[in-house]
Amino acid sequence: MSNAQAFNTSENFLLAALPTEDYQRLQQYMELVDLPLRQTIYDLGEPITHVYFPRGAVVSLVITMEDGSIMEAGMVGREGMAGLPALLSGKTKAHHGFVQIAGQAWRLSVTALKAEFDRGDSFQKLVLRYFQALFTQVAQTGVCNRFHTTEERLARWLLLVSDCVQADEFNLTQEFIAQMIGVRRAGVTVAAITLNQAGLLRYTRGHIKIIDRSGLEAFSCECYQMVRDEFAWLYNPSAT
């Protein structure tokens, strides 16, 4: 038994894609932890000691400007691993990671992570493909924020969050969403009303429910599909 069939949909997909033997070897070093809302999992300039494989939580990768304003560059949910800079320089001065949606994650020490990566086997190949998929998400986010409407950006962002938690309902405030996609709160309000009136979602008091997912995908810009296709390739490279 191997790949995603070995686990149910509540698991982390990156771990689930590993051959059973590799997963079991890694599992002995992992700890299932609860990640509370807004917890910082790694900060600017600080050594990264652990990485996280979410299985319910969502981690935002956020850039902070000199004036204190912030914007999300990427997000990590069940599809990936938070703390990727640990394999590169060991720290980051460009962004920090914090929990945008509370939930559980598998925590692994960087020492164990590097030991498994250095084996040069399936885990290394999978992580390198994940790096490319995450880079695509970050790059596409920058393009999207520059060229597309607030409504399209909101649709794209909500779809990505939905993919991260594997659910169509979640709690997020308009103020938080505005910070993440780089617009004023009033802009998110107008965009949410537009999507709500179109019958695509329902937004009440910080609770979001996607009503028509296919309609929301059609409404979104092409950026969502490009990111989704990249992650689909991550878990099934032979399909493309």
Protein backbone atom coordinates (compact mmCIF):
# COMPACT_ATOMS: atom_id res chain seq x y z
CA MET A 1 0.00 0.00 0.00
CA SER A 2 1.42 3.40 -0.98
CA ASN A 3 0.57 6.94 -2.01
CA ALA A 4 -2.65 8.69 -1.02
CA GLN A 5 -4.66 5.46 -0.81
CA ALA A 6 -2.77 4.65 2.37
CA PHE A 7 -4.41 7.54 4.22
CA ASN A 8 -7.79 9.19 4.51
CA THR A 9 -8.50 12.76 3.38
CA SER A 10 -7.82 14.16 6.85
CA GLU A 11 -4.11 13.46 6.41
CA ASN A 12 -1.43 15.69 4.98
CA PHE A 13 -1.17 14.97 1.25
CA LEU A 14 2.60 15.41 1.09
CA LEU A 15 3.11 12.71 3.70
CA ALA A 16 0.40 10.56 2.17
CA ALA A 17 2.21 10.59 -1.19
CA LEU A 18 5.26 8.88 0.32
CA PRO A 19 5.81 5.15 -0.05
CA THR A 20 4.69 3.35 3.11
CA GLU A 21 8.24 2.44 4.17
CA ASP A 22 9.44 6.05 3.91
CA TYR A 23 6.39 7.36 5.74
CA GLN A 24 6.82 4.90 8.60
CA ARG A 25 10.50 5.79 8.97
CA LEU A 26 9.60 9.49 9.16
CA GLN A 27 6.60 8.96 11.42
CA GLN A 28 8.71 7.89 14.39
CA TYR A 29 10.14 11.42 14.54
CA MET A 30 6.84 13.28 14.09
CA GLU A 31 4.50 14.68 16.72
CA LEU A 32 0.86 15.64 16.16
CA VAL A 33 0.32 19.14 17.56
CA ASP A 34 -2.46 21.71 17.74
CA LEU A 35 -1.73 25.02 16.04
CA PRO A 36 -3.81 27.84 17.58
CA LEU A 37 -4.97 30.84 15.56
CA ARG A 38 -2.24 33.43 14.82
CA GLN A 39 0.58 31.33 16.30
CA THR A 40 3.91 32.17 14.68
CA ILE A 41 5.65 29.00 13.56
CA TYR A 42 8.79 30.73 12.30
CA ASP A 43 9.83 34.37 12.38
CA LEU A 44 12.07 36.75 10.48
CA GLY A 45 15.76 36.07 10.99
CA GLU A 46 15.17 33.33 13.57
CA PRO A 47 16.51 29.80 13.06
CA ILE A 48 13.77 27.39 11.99
CA THR A 49 13.81 24.43 14.38
CA HIS A 50 10.71 22.54 13.17
CA VAL A 51 8.63 22.14 10.05
CA TYR A 52 4.90 21.43 9.99
CA PHE A 53 2.75 19.21 7.78
CA PRO A 54 -0.79 20.58 8.28
CA ARG A 55 -3.75 18.24 8.44
CA GLY A 56 -6.38 20.89 9.22
CA ALA A 57 -4.46 24.06 10.03
CA VAL A 58 -3.52 26.63 7.39
CA VAL A 59 -0.29 28.62 7.60
CA SER A 60 0.08 32.00 5.89
CA LEU A 61 3.48 33.03 4.50
CA VAL A 62 3.43 36.77 5.09
CA ILE A 63 5.64 39.69 4.10
CA THR A 64 5.76 42.71 6.42
CA MET A 65 6.65 46.16 5.06
CA GLU A 66 8.55 48.91 6.90
CA ASP A 67 5.30 50.74 7.70
CA GLY A 68 3.86 47.63 9.32
CA SER A 69 1.48 46.70 6.51
CA ILE A 70 1.39 43.03 5.60
CA MET A 71 0.42 40.89 2.64
CA GLU A 72 0.30 37.16 2.09
CA ALA A 73 2.75 35.71 -0.41
CA GLY A 74 1.55 32.11 -0.12
CA MET A 75 -0.27 29.62 2.08
CA VAL A 76 0.30 26.06 3.24
CA GLY A 77 -2.40 23.55 4.12
CA ARG A 78 -2.90 19.82 3.74
CA GLU A 79 -1.10 19.89 0.41
CA GLY A 80 2.31 20.78 1.80
CA MET A 81 4.88 21.66 4.42
CA ALA A 82 5.42 24.92 6.33
CA GLY A 83 9.05 25.80 7.02
CA LEU A 84 10.66 25.04 3.67
CA PRO A 85 13.47 27.61 4.19
CA ALA A 86 14.84 25.22 6.83
CA LEU A 87 16.25 23.11 3.99
CA LEU A 88 17.83 26.12 2.28
CA SER A 89 19.41 28.70 4.57
CA GLY A 90 17.84 27.58 7.85
CA LYS A 91 16.10 30.92 8.33
CA THR A 92 14.36 33.63 6.33
CA LYS A 93 14.57 37.42 6.36
CA ALA A 94 11.85 37.91 3.75
CA HIS A 95 8.72 36.48 5.36
CA HIS A 96 7.34 34.74 8.41
CA GLY A 97 4.77 31.99 8.85
CA PHE A 98 1.77 32.13 11.14
CA VAL A 99 -1.47 30.20 11.55
CA GLN A 100 -4.42 31.67 9.63
CA ILE A 101 -6.81 28.80 10.42
CA ALA A 102 -6.35 26.80 13.62
CA GLY A 103 -6.02 23.03 13.42
CA GLN A 104 -3.62 20.14 13.71
CA ALA A 105 -0.30 19.49 12.04
CA TRP A 106 2.50 16.96 12.16
CA ARG A 107 5.64 18.59 13.59
CA LEU A 108 9.09 17.37 12.58
CA SER A 109 12.46 18.61 13.78
CA VAL A 110 14.72 20.14 11.16
CA THR A 111 17.42 17.64 12.15
CA ALA A 112 15.15 14.71 11.23
CA LEU A 113 13.93 16.55 8.12
CA LYS A 114 17.45 17.06 6.78
CA ALA A 115 18.46 13.49 7.57
CA GLU A 116 15.55 12.14 5.53
CA PHE A 117 16.09 14.66 2.73
CA ASP A 118 19.78 13.80 2.49
CA ARG A 119 18.93 10.16 1.86
CA GLY A 120 18.19 11.35 -1.68
CA ASP A 121 15.22 9.04 -2.04
CA SER A 122 11.49 9.58 -2.64
CA PHE A 123 11.13 12.20 0.12
CA GLN A 124 13.77 14.41 -1.47
CA LYS A 125 12.13 14.16 -4.89
CA LEU A 126 8.71 14.94 -3.44
CA VAL A 127 9.94 17.96 -1.47
CA LEU A 128 11.72 19.37 -4.52
CA ARG A 129 8.52 19.07 -6.56
CA TYR A 130 6.67 20.73 -3.69
CA PHE A 131 9.17 23.59 -3.73
CA GLN A 132 8.36 24.18 -7.40
CA ALA A 133 4.60 24.07 -6.74
CA LEU A 134 4.89 26.52 -3.84
CA PHE A 135 7.08 28.83 -5.92
CA THR A 136 4.38 28.80 -8.61
CA GLN A 137 1.77 29.75 -6.02
CA VAL A 138 3.88 32.63 -4.67
CA ALA A 139 4.73 33.93 -8.16
CA GLN A 140 1.14 33.66 -9.35
CA THR A 141 -0.07 35.49 -6.24
CA GLY A 142 2.13 38.46 -7.12
CA VAL A 143 0.84 38.53 -10.70
CA CYS A 144 -2.76 38.17 -9.53
CA ASN A 145 -2.48 41.04 -7.05
CA ARG A 146 -1.17 43.28 -9.82
CA PHE A 147 -3.50 42.52 -12.71
CA HIS A 148 -6.83 41.17 -11.46
CA THR A 149 -9.89 42.68 -9.83
CA THR A 150 -10.56 42.44 -6.11
CA GLU A 151 -13.49 40.11 -6.80
CA GLU A 152 -11.31 37.76 -8.87
CA ARG A 153 -8.54 37.84 -6.29
CA LEU A 154 -10.97 37.10 -3.47
CA ALA A 155 -12.44 34.17 -5.40
CA ARG A 156 -8.95 32.78 -6.12
CA TRP A 157 -7.88 33.19 -2.49
CA LEU A 158 -10.99 31.55 -1.03
CA LEU A 159 -10.61 28.60 -3.39
CA LEU A 160 -7.01 28.10 -2.26
CA VAL A 161 -8.06 28.24 1.39
CA SER A 162 -10.77 25.69 0.65
CA ASP A 163 -8.18 23.40 -0.95
CA CYS A 164 -5.89 23.80 2.05
CA VAL A 165 -8.53 22.70 4.57
CA GLN A 166 -10.43 20.39 2.20
CA ALA A 167 -13.70 22.04 3.23
CA ASP A 168 -16.14 24.61 1.88
CA GLU A 169 -16.76 26.29 5.23
CA PHE A 170 -14.25 28.20 7.38
CA ASN A 171 -13.96 31.24 9.63
CA LEU A 172 -12.11 34.32 8.37
CA THR A 173 -12.75 38.00 9.07
CA GLN A 174 -12.95 40.62 6.35
CA GLU A 175 -10.14 42.55 8.02
CA PHE A 176 -7.84 39.53 7.84
CA ILE A 177 -8.75 38.78 4.22
CA ALA A 178 -8.09 42.42 3.29
CA GLN A 179 -4.58 42.18 4.75
CA MET A 180 -3.85 38.91 2.99
CA ILE A 181 -4.87 40.03 -0.51
CA GLY A 182 -3.61 43.60 -0.09
CA VAL A 183 -6.78 45.69 -0.35
CA ARG A 184 -8.83 47.88 1.97
CA ARG A 185 -11.46 46.22 4.12
CA ALA A 186 -14.17 48.12 2.25
CA GLY A 187 -12.94 46.50 -0.97
CA VAL A 188 -13.36 43.03 0.52
CA THR A 189 -16.86 43.96 1.70
CA VAL A 190 -17.91 45.00 -1.80
CA ALA A 191 -16.29 41.95 -3.38
CA ALA A 192 -17.92 39.58 -0.87
CA ILE A 193 -21.32 41.16 -1.56
CA THR A 194 -20.78 40.62 -5.30
CA LEU A 195 -19.93 36.94 -4.82
CA ASN A 196 -22.78 36.53 -2.35
CA GLN A 197 -25.33 38.08 -4.72
CA ALA A 198 -24.08 35.84 -7.52
CA GLY A 199 -24.96 32.83 -5.36
CA LEU A 200 -21.35 31.67 -5.13
CA LEU A 201 -20.83 31.96 -1.38
CA ARG A 202 -22.45 33.02 1.88
CA TYR A 203 -20.55 35.33 4.22
CA THR A 204 -21.90 36.19 7.67
CA ARG A 205 -20.00 37.45 10.71
CA GLY A 206 -16.65 36.01 9.75
CA HIS A 207 -18.04 32.68 8.57
CA ILE A 208 -17.66 31.76 4.90
CA LYS A 209 -19.47 28.98 3.10
CA ILE A 210 -18.83 28.28 -0.58
CA ILE A 211 -22.21 27.52 -2.13
CA ASP A 212 -21.28 27.01 -5.79
CA ARG A 213 -17.68 25.89 -6.12
CA SER A 214 -17.72 25.38 -9.89
CA GLY A 215 -19.26 28.84 -10.29
CA LEU A 216 -16.61 30.35 -8.03
CA GLU A 217 -13.89 28.68 -10.09
CA ALA A 218 -15.40 30.09 -13.27
CA PHE A 219 -15.59 33.55 -11.69
CA SER A 220 -11.99 33.44 -10.49
CA CYS A 221 -9.10 34.51 -12.68
CA GLU A 222 -6.83 31.97 -14.38
CA CYS A 223 -4.38 32.12 -11.47
CA TYR A 224 -6.30 29.60 -9.39
CA GLN A 225 -6.34 26.98 -12.12
CA MET A 226 -2.61 27.43 -12.77
CA VAL A 227 -1.78 26.87 -9.11
CA ARG A 228 -4.15 23.92 -8.82
CA ASP A 229 -2.65 22.29 -11.91
CA GLU A 230 0.85 22.67 -10.45
CA PHE A 231 -0.15 20.93 -7.23
CA ALA A 232 -1.96 18.21 -9.18
CA TRP A 233 1.32 17.55 -10.99
CA LEU A 234 3.12 17.43 -7.64
CA TYR A 235 1.17 14.35 -6.62
CA ASN A 236 0.87 12.76 -10.05
CA PRO A 237 3.81 13.87 -12.23
CA SER A 238 3.22 11.08 -14.76
CA ALA A 239 -0.19 12.55 -15.64
CA THR A 240 1.32 15.54 -17.49
